[in-house]
Structure formats: structure tokens, C-alpha cells
Amino acid sequence: MKKLEIIIRPSKLMAVKKALETLGVHGLSISEIRGYGRQRGHKEVYRGATLESQFVPKVQINTLVHDEAVQKVVDVAIEAARTGELGDGKIFILPVENVIRIRTGESGNDAL
């Protein structure tokens, strides 16, 4: 099993969610986060004043997938989230040792 941490633009959340659902990804956790990468924040003009923000709003999607499905899920998420502009996001793939469903006590792949 792998944990995918998918960090994207907030405007792309629904597109990525729908794309993942087409692959049968059932469970997602969503967090609103702020951060920066190469773009180092951004500037906005509000009522004639330039405001500089060091952190850019992003959305982080966390999900667990079977090892065999990782590349397909990553490919679909990239396709749904990509705009081609700086700040499209990142995907982190982490190993998961085990998962346990609290309600039933099932573990491993059965708990997904």
C-alpha cells in the first residue's frame, strides 16, 4: 500500500476528485493548506494597493491505494490538476506499513 499526498490548486479539487472516483478511489481526506514552492508566494492588487503574500493557498488530498494502482492514480491526478503554470502542485508517494479499520478490526488490503 502507498499513501498519496497530492497538493494542488484549490480550483482543481473537484476535477481531481472526479478523476480519482473514476478509478475507484473510495476514500479521500482533504485539507486546506498554505505554502510556497518555486513561486515564493504571490502578489495581489486590492483597491489599488499591492499586497504580498508569502504563502499560497493549496489543497492537500490524502488517500491510500494498492501498490498496483499507484501509477494509474498518479497519472490521472496529474492530468486533472495540470494547468501548465507554476504552482500546479506536487504528489508525494509514501509507503504504508499497515492500515486497520477500527469498526471491524480488518487490516491490510481488506481495510481499504
PDB file of N, CA and C in Angstrom:
ATOM      1  N   MET A   1       0.831  -1.184   0.000  1.00  0.00           N
ATOM      2  CA  MET A   1       0.000   0.000   0.000  1.00  0.00           C
ATOM      3  C   MET A   1       0.877   1.249   0.000  1.00  0.00           C
ATOM      4  N   LYS A   2       0.342   2.277  -0.603  1.00  0.00           N
ATOM      5  CA  LYS A   2       1.027   3.572  -0.636  1.00  0.00           C
ATOM      6  C   LYS A   2       0.057   4.668  -0.224  1.00  0.00           C
ATOM      7  N   LYS A   3       0.608   5.675   0.437  1.00  0.00           N
ATOM      8  CA  LYS A   3      -0.163   6.874   0.751  1.00  0.00           C
ATOM      9  C   LYS A   3       0.239   7.933  -0.256  1.00  0.00           C
ATOM     10  N   LEU A   4      -0.753   8.525  -0.899  1.00  0.00           N
ATOM     11  CA  LEU A   4      -0.503   9.614  -1.831  1.00  0.00           C
ATOM     12  C   LEU A   4      -0.908  10.916  -1.164  1.00  0.00           C
ATOM     13  N   GLU A   5       0.009  11.862  -1.135  1.00  0.00           N
ATOM     14  CA  GLU A   5      -0.277  13.218  -0.690  1.00  0.00           C
ATOM     15  C   GLU A   5      -0.212  14.083  -1.932  1.00  0.00           C
ATOM     16  N   ILE A   6      -1.366  14.546  -2.376  1.00  0.00           N
ATOM     17  CA  ILE A   6      -1.488  15.291  -3.619  1.00  0.00           C
ATOM     18  C   ILE A   6      -1.788  16.743  -3.260  1.00  0.00           C
ATOM     19  N   ILE A   7      -0.853  17.626  -3.560  1.00  0.00           N
ATOM     20  CA  ILE A   7      -1.020  19.050  -3.249  1.00  0.00           C
ATOM     21  C   ILE A   7      -1.300  19.785  -4.550  1.00  0.00           C
ATOM     22  N   ILE A   8      -2.456  20.460  -4.611  1.00  0.00           N
ATOM     23  CA  ILE A   8      -2.923  21.069  -5.860  1.00  0.00           C
ATOM     24  C   ILE A   8      -3.509  22.453  -5.602  1.00  0.00           C
ATOM     25  N   ARG A   9      -3.849  23.134  -6.687  1.00  0.00           N
ATOM     26  CA  ARG A   9      -4.573  24.399  -6.615  1.00  0.00           C
ATOM     27  C   ARG A   9      -6.003  24.117  -6.127  1.00  0.00           C
ATOM     28  N   PRO A  10      -6.558  24.986  -5.284  1.00  0.00           N
ATOM     29  CA  PRO A  10      -7.934  24.782  -4.823  1.00  0.00           C
ATOM     30  C   PRO A  10      -8.947  24.681  -5.974  1.00  0.00           C
ATOM     31  N   SER A  11      -8.707  25.397  -7.045  1.00  0.00           N
ATOM     32  CA  SER A  11      -9.641  25.383  -8.180  1.00  0.00           C
ATOM     33  C   SER A  11      -9.683  24.036  -8.893  1.00  0.00           C
ATOM     34  N   LYS A  12      -8.715  23.174  -8.660  1.00  0.00           N
ATOM     35  CA  LYS A  12      -8.653  21.876  -9.326  1.00  0.00           C
ATOM     36  C   LYS A  12      -9.170  20.727  -8.466  1.00  0.00           C
ATOM     37  N   LEU A  13      -9.631  21.031  -7.249  1.00  0.00           N
ATOM     38  CA  LEU A  13     -10.050  19.975  -6.327  1.00  0.00           C
ATOM     39  C   LEU A  13     -11.140  19.082  -6.905  1.00  0.00           C
ATOM     40  N   MET A  14     -12.210  19.653  -7.401  1.00  0.00           N
ATOM     41  CA  MET A  14     -13.329  18.836  -7.889  1.00  0.00           C
ATOM     42  C   MET A  14     -12.932  18.011  -9.117  1.00  0.00           C
ATOM     43  N   ALA A  15     -12.099  18.569  -9.986  1.00  0.00           N
ATOM     44  CA  ALA A  15     -11.655  17.817 -11.164  1.00  0.00           C
ATOM     45  C   ALA A  15     -10.825  16.612 -10.746  1.00  0.00           C
ATOM     46  N   VAL A  16      -9.935  16.793  -9.779  1.00  0.00           N
ATOM     47  CA  VAL A  16      -9.108  15.679  -9.313  1.00  0.00           C
ATOM     48  C   VAL A  16      -9.969  14.658  -8.580  1.00  0.00           C
ATOM     49  N   LYS A  17     -10.888  15.118  -7.749  1.00  0.00           N
ATOM     50  CA  LYS A  17     -11.786  14.206  -7.024  1.00  0.00           C
ATOM     51  C   LYS A  17     -12.570  13.335  -7.994  1.00  0.00           C
ATOM     52  N   LYS A  18     -13.158  13.941  -9.017  1.00  0.00           N
ATOM     53  CA  LYS A  18     -13.925  13.175 -10.009  1.00  0.00           C
ATOM     54  C   LYS A  18     -13.042  12.200 -10.768  1.00  0.00           C
ATOM     55  N   ALA A  19     -11.831  12.622 -11.109  1.00  0.00           N
ATOM     56  CA  ALA A  19     -10.907  11.744 -11.828  1.00  0.00           C
ATOM     57  C   ALA A  19     -10.523  10.543 -10.978  1.00  0.00           C
ATOM     58  N   LEU A  20     -10.283  10.750  -9.687  1.00  0.00           N
ATOM     59  CA  LEU A  20      -9.936   9.646  -8.799  1.00  0.00           C
ATOM     60  C   LEU A  20     -11.110   8.689  -8.607  1.00  0.00           C
ATOM     61  N   GLU A  21     -12.315   9.233  -8.552  1.00  0.00           N
ATOM     62  CA  GLU A  21     -13.501   8.386  -8.412  1.00  0.00           C
ATOM     63  C   GLU A  21     -13.682   7.460  -9.604  1.00  0.00           C
ATOM     64  N   THR A  22     -13.298   7.910 -10.804  1.00  0.00           N
ATOM     65  CA  THR A  22     -13.420   7.052 -11.986  1.00  0.00           C
ATOM     66  C   THR A  22     -12.514   5.827 -11.899  1.00  0.00           C
ATOM     67  N   LEU A  23     -11.449   5.915 -11.086  1.00  0.00           N
ATOM     68  CA  LEU A  23     -10.542   4.785 -10.896  1.00  0.00           C
ATOM     69  C   LEU A  23     -10.938   3.920  -9.711  1.00  0.00           C
ATOM     70  N   GLY A  24     -11.993   4.302  -9.005  1.00  0.00           N
ATOM     71  CA  GLY A  24     -12.428   3.520  -7.862  1.00  0.00           C
ATOM     72  C   GLY A  24     -11.736   3.886  -6.567  1.00  0.00           C
ATOM     73  N   VAL A  25     -11.111   5.047  -6.520  1.00  0.00           N
ATOM     74  CA  VAL A  25     -10.523   5.520  -5.252  1.00  0.00           C
ATOM     75  C   VAL A  25     -11.690   5.961  -4.378  1.00  0.00           C
ATOM     76  N   HIS A  26     -11.884   5.268  -3.251  1.00  0.00           N
ATOM     77  CA  HIS A  26     -13.079   5.489  -2.438  1.00  0.00           C
ATOM     78  C   HIS A  26     -12.898   6.499  -1.330  1.00  0.00           C
ATOM     79  N   GLY A  27     -11.773   6.493  -0.661  1.00  0.00           N
ATOM     80  CA  GLY A  27     -11.605   7.355   0.496  1.00  0.00           C
ATOM     81  C   GLY A  27     -10.582   8.448   0.272  1.00  0.00           C
ATOM     82  N   LEU A  28     -10.959   9.668   0.600  1.00  0.00           N
ATOM     83  CA  LEU A  28     -10.062  10.814   0.485  1.00  0.00           C
ATOM     84  C   LEU A  28     -10.160  11.646   1.749  1.00  0.00           C
ATOM     85  N   SER A  29      -9.069  12.254   2.125  1.00  0.00           N
ATOM     86  CA  SER A  29      -9.073  13.288   3.154  1.00  0.00           C
ATOM     87  C   SER A  29      -8.592  14.565   2.486  1.00  0.00           C
ATOM     88  N   ILE A  30      -9.260  15.655   2.761  1.00  0.00           N
ATOM     89  CA  ILE A  30      -8.928  16.934   2.151  1.00  0.00           C
ATOM     90  C   ILE A  30      -8.541  17.925   3.242  1.00  0.00           C
ATOM     91  N   SER A  31      -7.450  18.637   3.029  1.00  0.00           N
ATOM     92  CA  SER A  31      -7.028  19.689   3.955  1.00  0.00           C
ATOM     93  C   SER A  31      -6.726  20.951   3.163  1.00  0.00           C
ATOM     94  N   GLU A  32      -7.165  22.082   3.686  1.00  0.00           N
ATOM     95  CA  GLU A  32      -6.779  23.366   3.107  1.00  0.00           C
ATOM     96  C   GLU A  32      -5.463  23.758   3.754  1.00  0.00           C
ATOM     97  N   ILE A  33      -4.457  23.984   2.932  1.00  0.00           N
ATOM     98  CA  ILE A  33      -3.129  24.300   3.447  1.00  0.00           C
ATOM     99  C   ILE A  33      -2.616  25.569   2.790  1.00  0.00           C
ATOM    100  N   ARG A  34      -1.521  26.088   3.281  1.00  0.00           N
ATOM    101  CA  ARG A  34      -0.860  27.252   2.694  1.00  0.00           C
ATOM    102  C   ARG A  34       0.622  26.934   2.648  1.00  0.00           C
ATOM    103  N   GLY A  35       1.275  27.372   1.602  1.00  0.00           N
ATOM    104  CA  GLY A  35       2.710  27.135   1.478  1.00  0.00           C
ATOM    105  C   GLY A  35       3.258  27.815   0.245  1.00  0.00           C
ATOM    106  N   TYR A  36       4.501  27.511  -0.054  1.00  0.00           N
ATOM    107  CA  TYR A  36       5.094  28.032  -1.277  1.00  0.00           C
ATOM    108  C   TYR A  36       6.158  27.079  -1.769  1.00  0.00           C
ATOM    109  N   GLY A  37       6.417  27.188  -3.037  1.00  0.00           N
ATOM    110  CA  GLY A  37       7.466  26.413  -3.688  1.00  0.00           C
ATOM    111  C   GLY A  37       8.340  27.374  -4.457  1.00  0.00           C
ATOM    112  N   ARG A  38       8.542  27.088  -5.701  1.00  0.00           N
ATOM    113  CA  ARG A  38       9.393  27.943  -6.522  1.00  0.00           C
ATOM    114  C   ARG A  38       8.819  29.336  -6.733  1.00  0.00           C
ATOM    115  N   GLN A  39       7.491  29.467  -6.651  1.00  0.00           N
ATOM    116  CA  GLN A  39       6.896  30.782  -6.910  1.00  0.00           C
ATOM    117  C   GLN A  39       7.097  31.743  -5.744  1.00  0.00           C
ATOM    118  N   ARG A  40       7.474  31.267  -4.573  1.00  0.00           N
ATOM    119  CA  ARG A  40       7.788  32.106  -3.408  1.00  0.00           C
ATOM    120  C   ARG A  40       6.658  33.066  -3.047  1.00  0.00           C
ATOM    121  N   GLY A  41       5.439  32.596  -2.993  1.00  0.00           N
ATOM    122  CA  GLY A  41       4.308  33.447  -2.660  1.00  0.00           C
ATOM    123  C   GLY A  41       3.762  34.140  -3.900  1.00  0.00           C
ATOM    124  N   HIS A  42       2.917  35.128  -3.677  1.00  0.00           N
ATOM    125  CA  HIS A  42       2.338  35.851  -4.805  1.00  0.00           C
ATOM    126  C   HIS A  42       1.910  37.257  -4.371  1.00  0.00           C
ATOM    127  N   LYS A  43       1.664  38.093  -5.364  1.00  0.00           N
ATOM    128  CA  LYS A  43       1.218  39.467  -5.118  1.00  0.00           C
ATOM    129  C   LYS A  43      -0.187  39.625  -5.667  1.00  0.00           C
ATOM    130  N   GLU A  44      -0.986  40.415  -4.947  1.00  0.00           N
ATOM    131  CA  GLU A  44      -2.337  40.728  -5.386  1.00  0.00           C
ATOM    132  C   GLU A  44      -2.527  42.239  -5.292  1.00  0.00           C
ATOM    133  N   VAL A  45      -3.373  42.758  -6.151  1.00  0.00           N
ATOM    134  CA  VAL A  45      -3.729  44.171  -6.073  1.00  0.00           C
ATOM    135  C   VAL A  45      -5.157  44.239  -5.560  1.00  0.00           C
ATOM    136  N   TYR A  46      -5.338  44.940  -4.441  1.00  0.00           N
ATOM    137  CA  TYR A  46      -6.653  45.078  -3.828  1.00  0.00           C
ATOM    138  C   TYR A  46      -6.907  46.554  -3.579  1.00  0.00           C
ATOM    139  N   ARG A  47      -7.904  47.103  -4.272  1.00  0.00           N
ATOM    140  CA  ARG A  47      -8.268  48.514  -4.155  1.00  0.00           C
ATOM    141  C   ARG A  47      -7.064  49.430  -4.360  1.00  0.00           C
ATOM    142  N   GLY A  48      -6.257  49.083  -5.340  1.00  0.00           N
ATOM    143  CA  GLY A  48      -5.121  49.910  -5.703  1.00  0.00           C
ATOM    144  C   GLY A  48      -3.866  49.666  -4.899  1.00  0.00           C
ATOM    145  N   ALA A  49      -3.958  48.876  -3.847  1.00  0.00           N
ATOM    146  CA  ALA A  49      -2.781  48.589  -3.016  1.00  0.00           C
ATOM    147  C   ALA A  49      -2.244  47.202  -3.369  1.00  0.00           C
ATOM    148  N   THR A  50      -0.939  47.092  -3.482  1.00  0.00           N
ATOM    149  CA  THR A  50      -0.314  45.806  -3.759  1.00  0.00           C
ATOM    150  C   THR A  50      -0.064  45.080  -2.446  1.00  0.00           C
ATOM    151  N   LEU A  51      -0.628  43.886  -2.338  1.00  0.00           N
ATOM    152  CA  LEU A  51      -0.454  43.059  -1.148  1.00  0.00           C
ATOM    153  C   LEU A  51       0.401  41.855  -1.512  1.00  0.00           C
ATOM    154  N   GLU A  52       1.393  41.571  -0.693  1.00  0.00           N
ATOM    155  CA  GLU A  52       2.266  40.434  -0.956  1.00  0.00           C
ATOM    156  C   GLU A  52       1.996  39.354   0.078  1.00  0.00           C
ATOM    157  N   SER A  53       1.748  38.146  -0.407  1.00  0.00           N
ATOM    158  CA  SER A  53       1.511  37.001   0.463  1.00  0.00           C
ATOM    159  C   SER A  53       2.677  36.038   0.322  1.00  0.00           C
ATOM    160  N   GLN A  54       3.238  35.628   1.443  1.00  0.00           N
ATOM    161  CA  GLN A  54       4.357  34.698   1.390  1.00  0.00           C
ATOM    162  C   GLN A  54       3.894  33.264   1.171  1.00  0.00           C
ATOM    163  N   PHE A  55       2.636  32.990   1.501  1.00  0.00           N
ATOM    164  CA  PHE A  55       2.126  31.630   1.375  1.00  0.00           C
ATOM    165  C   PHE A  55       0.925  31.598   0.441  1.00  0.00           C
ATOM    166  N   VAL A  56       0.900  30.602  -0.409  1.00  0.00           N
ATOM    167  CA  VAL A  56      -0.148  30.453  -1.412  1.00  0.00           C
ATOM    168  C   VAL A  56      -1.142  29.394  -0.929  1.00  0.00           C
ATOM    169  N   PRO A  57      -2.453  29.640  -1.049  1.00  0.00           N
ATOM    170  CA  PRO A  57      -3.427  28.624  -0.653  1.00  0.00           C
ATOM    171  C   PRO A  57      -3.366  27.418  -1.580  1.00  0.00           C
ATOM    172  N   LYS A  58      -3.393  26.238  -0.996  1.00  0.00           N
ATOM    173  CA  LYS A  58      -3.392  24.972  -1.733  1.00  0.00           C
ATOM    174  C   LYS A  58      -4.362  24.028  -1.052  1.00  0.00           C
ATOM    175  N   VAL A  59      -4.639  22.907  -1.693  1.00  0.00           N
ATOM    176  CA  VAL A  59      -5.447  21.838  -1.118  1.00  0.00           C
ATOM    177  C   VAL A  59      -4.592  20.582  -1.130  1.00  0.00           C
ATOM    178  N   GLN A  60      -4.621  19.844  -0.022  1.00  0.00           N
ATOM    179  CA  GLN A  60      -3.898  18.581   0.045  1.00  0.00           C
ATOM    180  C   GLN A  60      -4.908  17.446   0.123  1.00  0.00           C
ATOM    181  N   ILE A  61      -4.788  16.507  -0.801  1.00  0.00           N
ATOM    182  CA  ILE A  61      -5.627  15.316  -0.828  1.00  0.00           C
ATOM    183  C   ILE A  61      -4.766  14.159  -0.347  1.00  0.00           C
ATOM    184  N   ASN A  62      -5.242  13.418   0.647  1.00  0.00           N
ATOM    185  CA  ASN A  62      -4.555  12.228   1.126  1.00  0.00           C
ATOM    186  C   ASN A  62      -5.419  11.025   0.814  1.00  0.00           C
ATOM    187  N   THR A  63      -4.804   9.978   0.288  1.00  0.00           N
ATOM    188  CA  THR A  63      -5.520   8.742   0.017  1.00  0.00           C
ATOM    189  C   THR A  63      -4.550   7.575   0.070  1.00  0.00           C
ATOM    190  N   LEU A  64      -5.081   6.379   0.303  1.00  0.00           N
ATOM    191  CA  LEU A  64      -4.296   5.154   0.267  1.00  0.00           C
ATOM    192  C   LEU A  64      -4.723   4.349  -0.953  1.00  0.00           C
ATOM    193  N   VAL A  65      -3.753   3.780  -1.645  1.00  0.00           N
ATOM    194  CA  VAL A  65      -4.050   2.949  -2.818  1.00  0.00           C
ATOM    195  C   VAL A  65      -3.195   1.693  -2.793  1.00  0.00           C
ATOM    196  N   HIS A  66      -3.672   0.669  -3.482  1.00  0.00           N
ATOM    197  CA  HIS A  66      -2.900  -0.563  -3.643  1.00  0.00           C
ATOM    198  C   HIS A  66      -1.663  -0.269  -4.487  1.00  0.00           C
ATOM    199  N   ASP A  67      -0.603  -0.996  -4.243  1.00  0.00           N
ATOM    200  CA  ASP A  67       0.656  -0.781  -4.967  1.00  0.00           C
ATOM    201  C   ASP A  67       0.466  -0.820  -6.488  1.00  0.00           C
ATOM    202  N   GLU A  68      -0.389  -1.727  -6.953  1.00  0.00           N
ATOM    203  CA  GLU A  68      -0.585  -1.889  -8.397  1.00  0.00           C
ATOM    204  C   GLU A  68      -1.273  -0.681  -9.031  1.00  0.00           C
ATOM    205  N   ALA A  69      -2.020   0.082  -8.244  1.00  0.00           N
ATOM    206  CA  ALA A  69      -2.801   1.194  -8.783  1.00  0.00           C
ATOM    207  C   ALA A  69      -2.088   2.536  -8.692  1.00  0.00           C
ATOM    208  N   VAL A  70      -0.939   2.586  -8.049  1.00  0.00           N
ATOM    209  CA  VAL A  70      -0.286   3.872  -7.775  1.00  0.00           C
ATOM    210  C   VAL A  70      -0.039   4.672  -9.047  1.00  0.00           C
ATOM    211  N   GLN A  71       0.595   4.085 -10.040  1.00  0.00           N
ATOM    212  CA  GLN A  71       0.957   4.856 -11.230  1.00  0.00           C
ATOM    213  C   GLN A  71      -0.264   5.360 -11.987  1.00  0.00           C
ATOM    214  N   LYS A  72      -1.303   4.547 -12.059  1.00  0.00           N
ATOM    215  CA  LYS A  72      -2.523   4.971 -12.752  1.00  0.00           C
ATOM    216  C   LYS A  72      -3.189   6.135 -12.001  1.00  0.00           C
ATOM    217  N   VAL A  73      -3.236   6.061 -10.675  1.00  0.00           N
ATOM    218  CA  VAL A  73      -3.826   7.134  -9.873  1.00  0.00           C
ATOM    219  C   VAL A  73      -3.008   8.415 -10.030  1.00  0.00           C
ATOM    220  N   VAL A  74      -1.694   8.288  -9.996  1.00  0.00           N
ATOM    221  CA  VAL A  74      -0.817   9.455 -10.167  1.00  0.00           C
ATOM    222  C   VAL A  74      -1.035  10.090 -11.534  1.00  0.00           C
ATOM    223  N   ASP A  75      -1.082   9.271 -12.579  1.00  0.00           N
ATOM    224  CA  ASP A  75      -1.270   9.796 -13.939  1.00  0.00           C
ATOM    225  C   ASP A  75      -2.588  10.551 -14.078  1.00  0.00           C
ATOM    226  N   VAL A  76      -3.661   9.994 -13.523  1.00  0.00           N
ATOM    227  CA  VAL A  76      -4.979  10.624 -13.612  1.00  0.00           C
ATOM    228  C   VAL A  76      -5.009  11.921 -12.806  1.00  0.00           C
ATOM    229  N   ALA A  77      -4.377  11.917 -11.630  1.00  0.00           N
ATOM    230  CA  ALA A  77      -4.342  13.135 -10.810  1.00  0.00           C
ATOM    231  C   ALA A  77      -3.563  14.238 -11.515  1.00  0.00           C
ATOM    232  N   ILE A  78      -2.447  13.889 -12.123  1.00  0.00           N
ATOM    233  CA  ILE A  78      -1.647  14.881 -12.856  1.00  0.00           C
ATOM    234  C   ILE A  78      -2.457  15.465 -14.010  1.00  0.00           C
ATOM    235  N   GLU A  79      -3.116  14.604 -14.752  1.00  0.00           N
ATOM    236  CA  GLU A  79      -3.905  15.076 -15.902  1.00  0.00           C
ATOM    237  C   GLU A  79      -5.018  16.025 -15.463  1.00  0.00           C
ATOM    238  N   ALA A  80      -5.664  15.714 -14.344  1.00  0.00           N
ATOM    239  CA  ALA A  80      -6.772  16.541 -13.870  1.00  0.00           C
ATOM    240  C   ALA A  80      -6.300  17.851 -13.238  1.00  0.00           C
ATOM    241  N   ALA A  81      -5.105  17.862 -12.639  1.00  0.00           N
ATOM    242  CA  ALA A  81      -4.645  19.035 -11.895  1.00  0.00           C
ATOM    243  C   ALA A  81      -3.759  19.976 -12.702  1.00  0.00           C
ATOM    244  N   ARG A  82      -3.204  19.514 -13.800  1.00  0.00           N
ATOM    245  CA  ARG A  82      -2.210  20.311 -14.534  1.00  0.00           C
ATOM    246  C   ARG A  82      -2.838  21.488 -15.270  1.00  0.00           C
ATOM    247  N   THR A  83      -2.223  22.663 -15.088  1.00  0.00           N
ATOM    248  CA  THR A  83      -2.577  23.838 -15.882  1.00  0.00           C
ATOM    249  C   THR A  83      -1.402  24.239 -16.769  1.00  0.00           C
ATOM    250  N   GLY A  84      -0.214  23.746 -16.422  1.00  0.00           N
ATOM    251  CA  GLY A  84       0.989  24.111 -17.161  1.00  0.00           C
ATOM    252  C   GLY A  84       1.679  25.337 -16.603  1.00  0.00           C
ATOM    253  N   GLU A  85       1.090  25.919 -15.569  1.00  0.00           N
ATOM    254  CA  GLU A  85       1.643  27.119 -14.943  1.00  0.00           C
ATOM    255  C   GLU A  85       2.393  26.753 -13.669  1.00  0.00           C
ATOM    256  N   LEU A  86       3.277  27.646 -13.249  1.00  0.00           N
ATOM    257  CA  LEU A  86       3.983  27.492 -11.988  1.00  0.00           C
ATOM    258  C   LEU A  86       2.968  27.392 -10.858  1.00  0.00           C
ATOM    259  N   GLY A  87       3.167  26.451  -9.937  1.00  0.00           N
ATOM    260  CA  GLY A  87       2.263  26.315  -8.799  1.00  0.00           C
ATOM    261  C   GLY A  87       1.199  25.251  -8.954  1.00  0.00           C
ATOM    262  N   ASP A  88       1.338  24.362  -9.946  1.00  0.00           N
ATOM    263  CA  ASP A  88       0.352  23.297 -10.134  1.00  0.00           C
ATOM    264  C   ASP A  88       0.341  22.302  -8.976  1.00  0.00           C
ATOM    265  N   GLY A  89       1.455  22.124  -8.288  1.00  0.00           N
ATOM    266  CA  GLY A  89       1.464  21.260  -7.110  1.00  0.00           C
ATOM    267  C   GLY A  89       2.478  20.142  -7.185  1.00  0.00           C
ATOM    268  N   LYS A  90       2.342  19.216  -6.244  1.00  0.00           N
ATOM    269  CA  LYS A  90       3.246  18.078  -6.124  1.00  0.00           C
ATOM    270  C   LYS A  90       2.459  16.864  -5.673  1.00  0.00           C
ATOM    271  N   ILE A  91       3.031  15.680  -5.932  1.00  0.00           N
ATOM    272  CA  ILE A  91       2.480  14.429  -5.417  1.00  0.00           C
ATOM    273  C   ILE A  91       3.603  13.711  -4.686  1.00  0.00           C
ATOM    274  N   PHE A  92       3.338  13.349  -3.426  1.00  0.00           N
ATOM    275  CA  PHE A  92       4.292  12.586  -2.635  1.00  0.00           C
ATOM    276  C   PHE A  92       3.745  11.173  -2.474  1.00  0.00           C
ATOM    277  N   ILE A  93       4.597  10.174  -2.677  1.00  0.00           N
ATOM    278  CA  ILE A  93       4.210   8.772  -2.561  1.00  0.00           C
ATOM    279  C   ILE A  93       4.993   8.180  -1.391  1.00  0.00           C
ATOM    280  N   LEU A  94       4.250   7.710  -0.388  1.00  0.00           N
ATOM    281  CA  LEU A  94       4.865   7.200   0.834  1.00  0.00           C
ATOM    282  C   LEU A  94       4.451   5.748   1.076  1.00  0.00           C
ATOM    283  N   PRO A  95       5.361   4.922   1.557  1.00  0.00           N
ATOM    284  CA  PRO A  95       4.983   3.540   1.878  1.00  0.00           C
ATOM    285  C   PRO A  95       4.103   3.507   3.132  1.00  0.00           C
ATOM    286  N   VAL A  96       3.161   2.569   3.156  1.00  0.00           N
ATOM    287  CA  VAL A  96       2.292   2.376   4.320  1.00  0.00           C
ATOM    288  C   VAL A  96       2.509   0.951   4.803  1.00  0.00           C
ATOM    289  N   GLU A  97       2.891   0.829   6.046  1.00  0.00           N
ATOM    290  CA  GLU A  97       3.174  -0.482   6.611  1.00  0.00           C
ATOM    291  C   GLU A  97       1.904  -1.300   6.821  1.00  0.00           C
ATOM    292  N   ASN A  98       0.869  -0.648   7.353  1.00  0.00           N
ATOM    293  CA  ASN A  98      -0.378  -1.355   7.609  1.00  0.00           C
ATOM    294  C   ASN A  98      -1.488  -0.334   7.800  1.00  0.00           C
ATOM    295  N   VAL A  99      -2.720  -0.781   7.637  1.00  0.00           N
ATOM    296  CA  VAL A  99      -3.897   0.034   7.925  1.00  0.00           C
ATOM    297  C   VAL A  99      -4.908  -0.884   8.609  1.00  0.00           C
ATOM    298  N   ILE A 100      -5.610  -0.350   9.593  1.00  0.00           N
ATOM    299  CA  ILE A 100      -6.579  -1.140  10.347  1.00  0.00           C
ATOM    300  C   ILE A 100      -7.895  -0.385  10.381  1.00  0.00           C
ATOM    301  N   ARG A 101      -8.961  -1.064   9.989  1.00  0.00           N
ATOM    302  CA  ARG A 101     -10.305  -0.477  10.080  1.00  0.00           C
ATOM    303  C   ARG A 101     -10.788  -0.661  11.508  1.00  0.00           C
ATOM    304  N   ILE A 102     -11.040   0.428  12.191  1.00  0.00           N
ATOM    305  CA  ILE A 102     -11.388   0.382  13.610  1.00  0.00           C
ATOM    306  C   ILE A 102     -12.689  -0.384  13.843  1.00  0.00           C
ATOM    307  N   ARG A 103     -13.699  -0.138  13.023  1.00  0.00           N
ATOM    308  CA  ARG A 103     -15.015  -0.747  13.229  1.00  0.00           C
ATOM    309  C   ARG A 103     -14.967  -2.262  13.227  1.00  0.00           C
ATOM    310  N   THR A 104     -14.226  -2.866  12.262  1.00  0.00           N
ATOM    311  CA  THR A 104     -14.245  -4.321  12.097  1.00  0.00           C
ATOM    312  C   THR A 104     -12.958  -5.009  12.528  1.00  0.00           C
ATOM    313  N   GLY A 105     -11.902  -4.251  12.672  1.00  0.00           N
ATOM    314  CA  GLY A 105     -10.626  -4.850  13.013  1.00  0.00           C
ATOM    315  C   GLY A 105      -9.872  -5.396  11.798  1.00  0.00           C
ATOM    316  N   GLU A 106     -10.457  -5.250  10.596  1.00  0.00           N
ATOM    317  CA  GLU A 106      -9.779  -5.712   9.391  1.00  0.00           C
ATOM    318  C   GLU A 106      -8.479  -4.950   9.214  1.00  0.00           C
ATOM    319  N   SER A 107      -7.492  -5.599   8.608  1.00  0.00           N
ATOM    320  CA  SER A 107      -6.216  -4.920   8.390  1.00  0.00           C
ATOM    321  C   SER A 107      -5.691  -5.208   6.984  1.00  0.00           C
ATOM    322  N   GLY A 108      -4.688  -4.462   6.609  1.00  0.00           N
ATOM    323  CA  GLY A 108      -4.074  -4.631   5.287  1.00  0.00           C
ATOM    324  C   GLY A 108      -5.007  -4.184   4.179  1.00  0.00           C
ATOM    325  N   ASN A 109      -4.925  -4.876   3.048  1.00  0.00           N
ATOM    326  CA  ASN A 109      -5.745  -4.520   1.884  1.00  0.00           C
ATOM    327  C   ASN A 109      -7.241  -4.634   2.151  1.00  0.00           C
ATOM    328  N   ASP A 110      -7.644  -5.535   3.064  1.00  0.00           N
ATOM    329  CA  ASP A 110      -9.067  -5.675   3.388  1.00  0.00           C
ATOM    330  C   ASP A 110      -9.634  -4.425   4.048  1.00  0.00           C
ATOM    331  N   ALA A 111      -8.773  -3.641   4.691  1.00  0.00           N
ATOM    332  CA  ALA A 111      -9.225  -2.427   5.384  1.00  0.00           C
ATOM    333  C   ALA A 111      -9.396  -1.257   4.445  1.00  0.00           C
ATOM    334  N   LEU A 112      -8.866  -1.363   3.223  1.00  0.00           N
ATOM    335  CA  LEU A 112      -9.044  -0.266   2.281  1.00  0.00           C
ATOM    336  C   LEU A 112     -10.453  -0.295   1.739  1.00  0.00           C
TER     337      LEU A 112
END
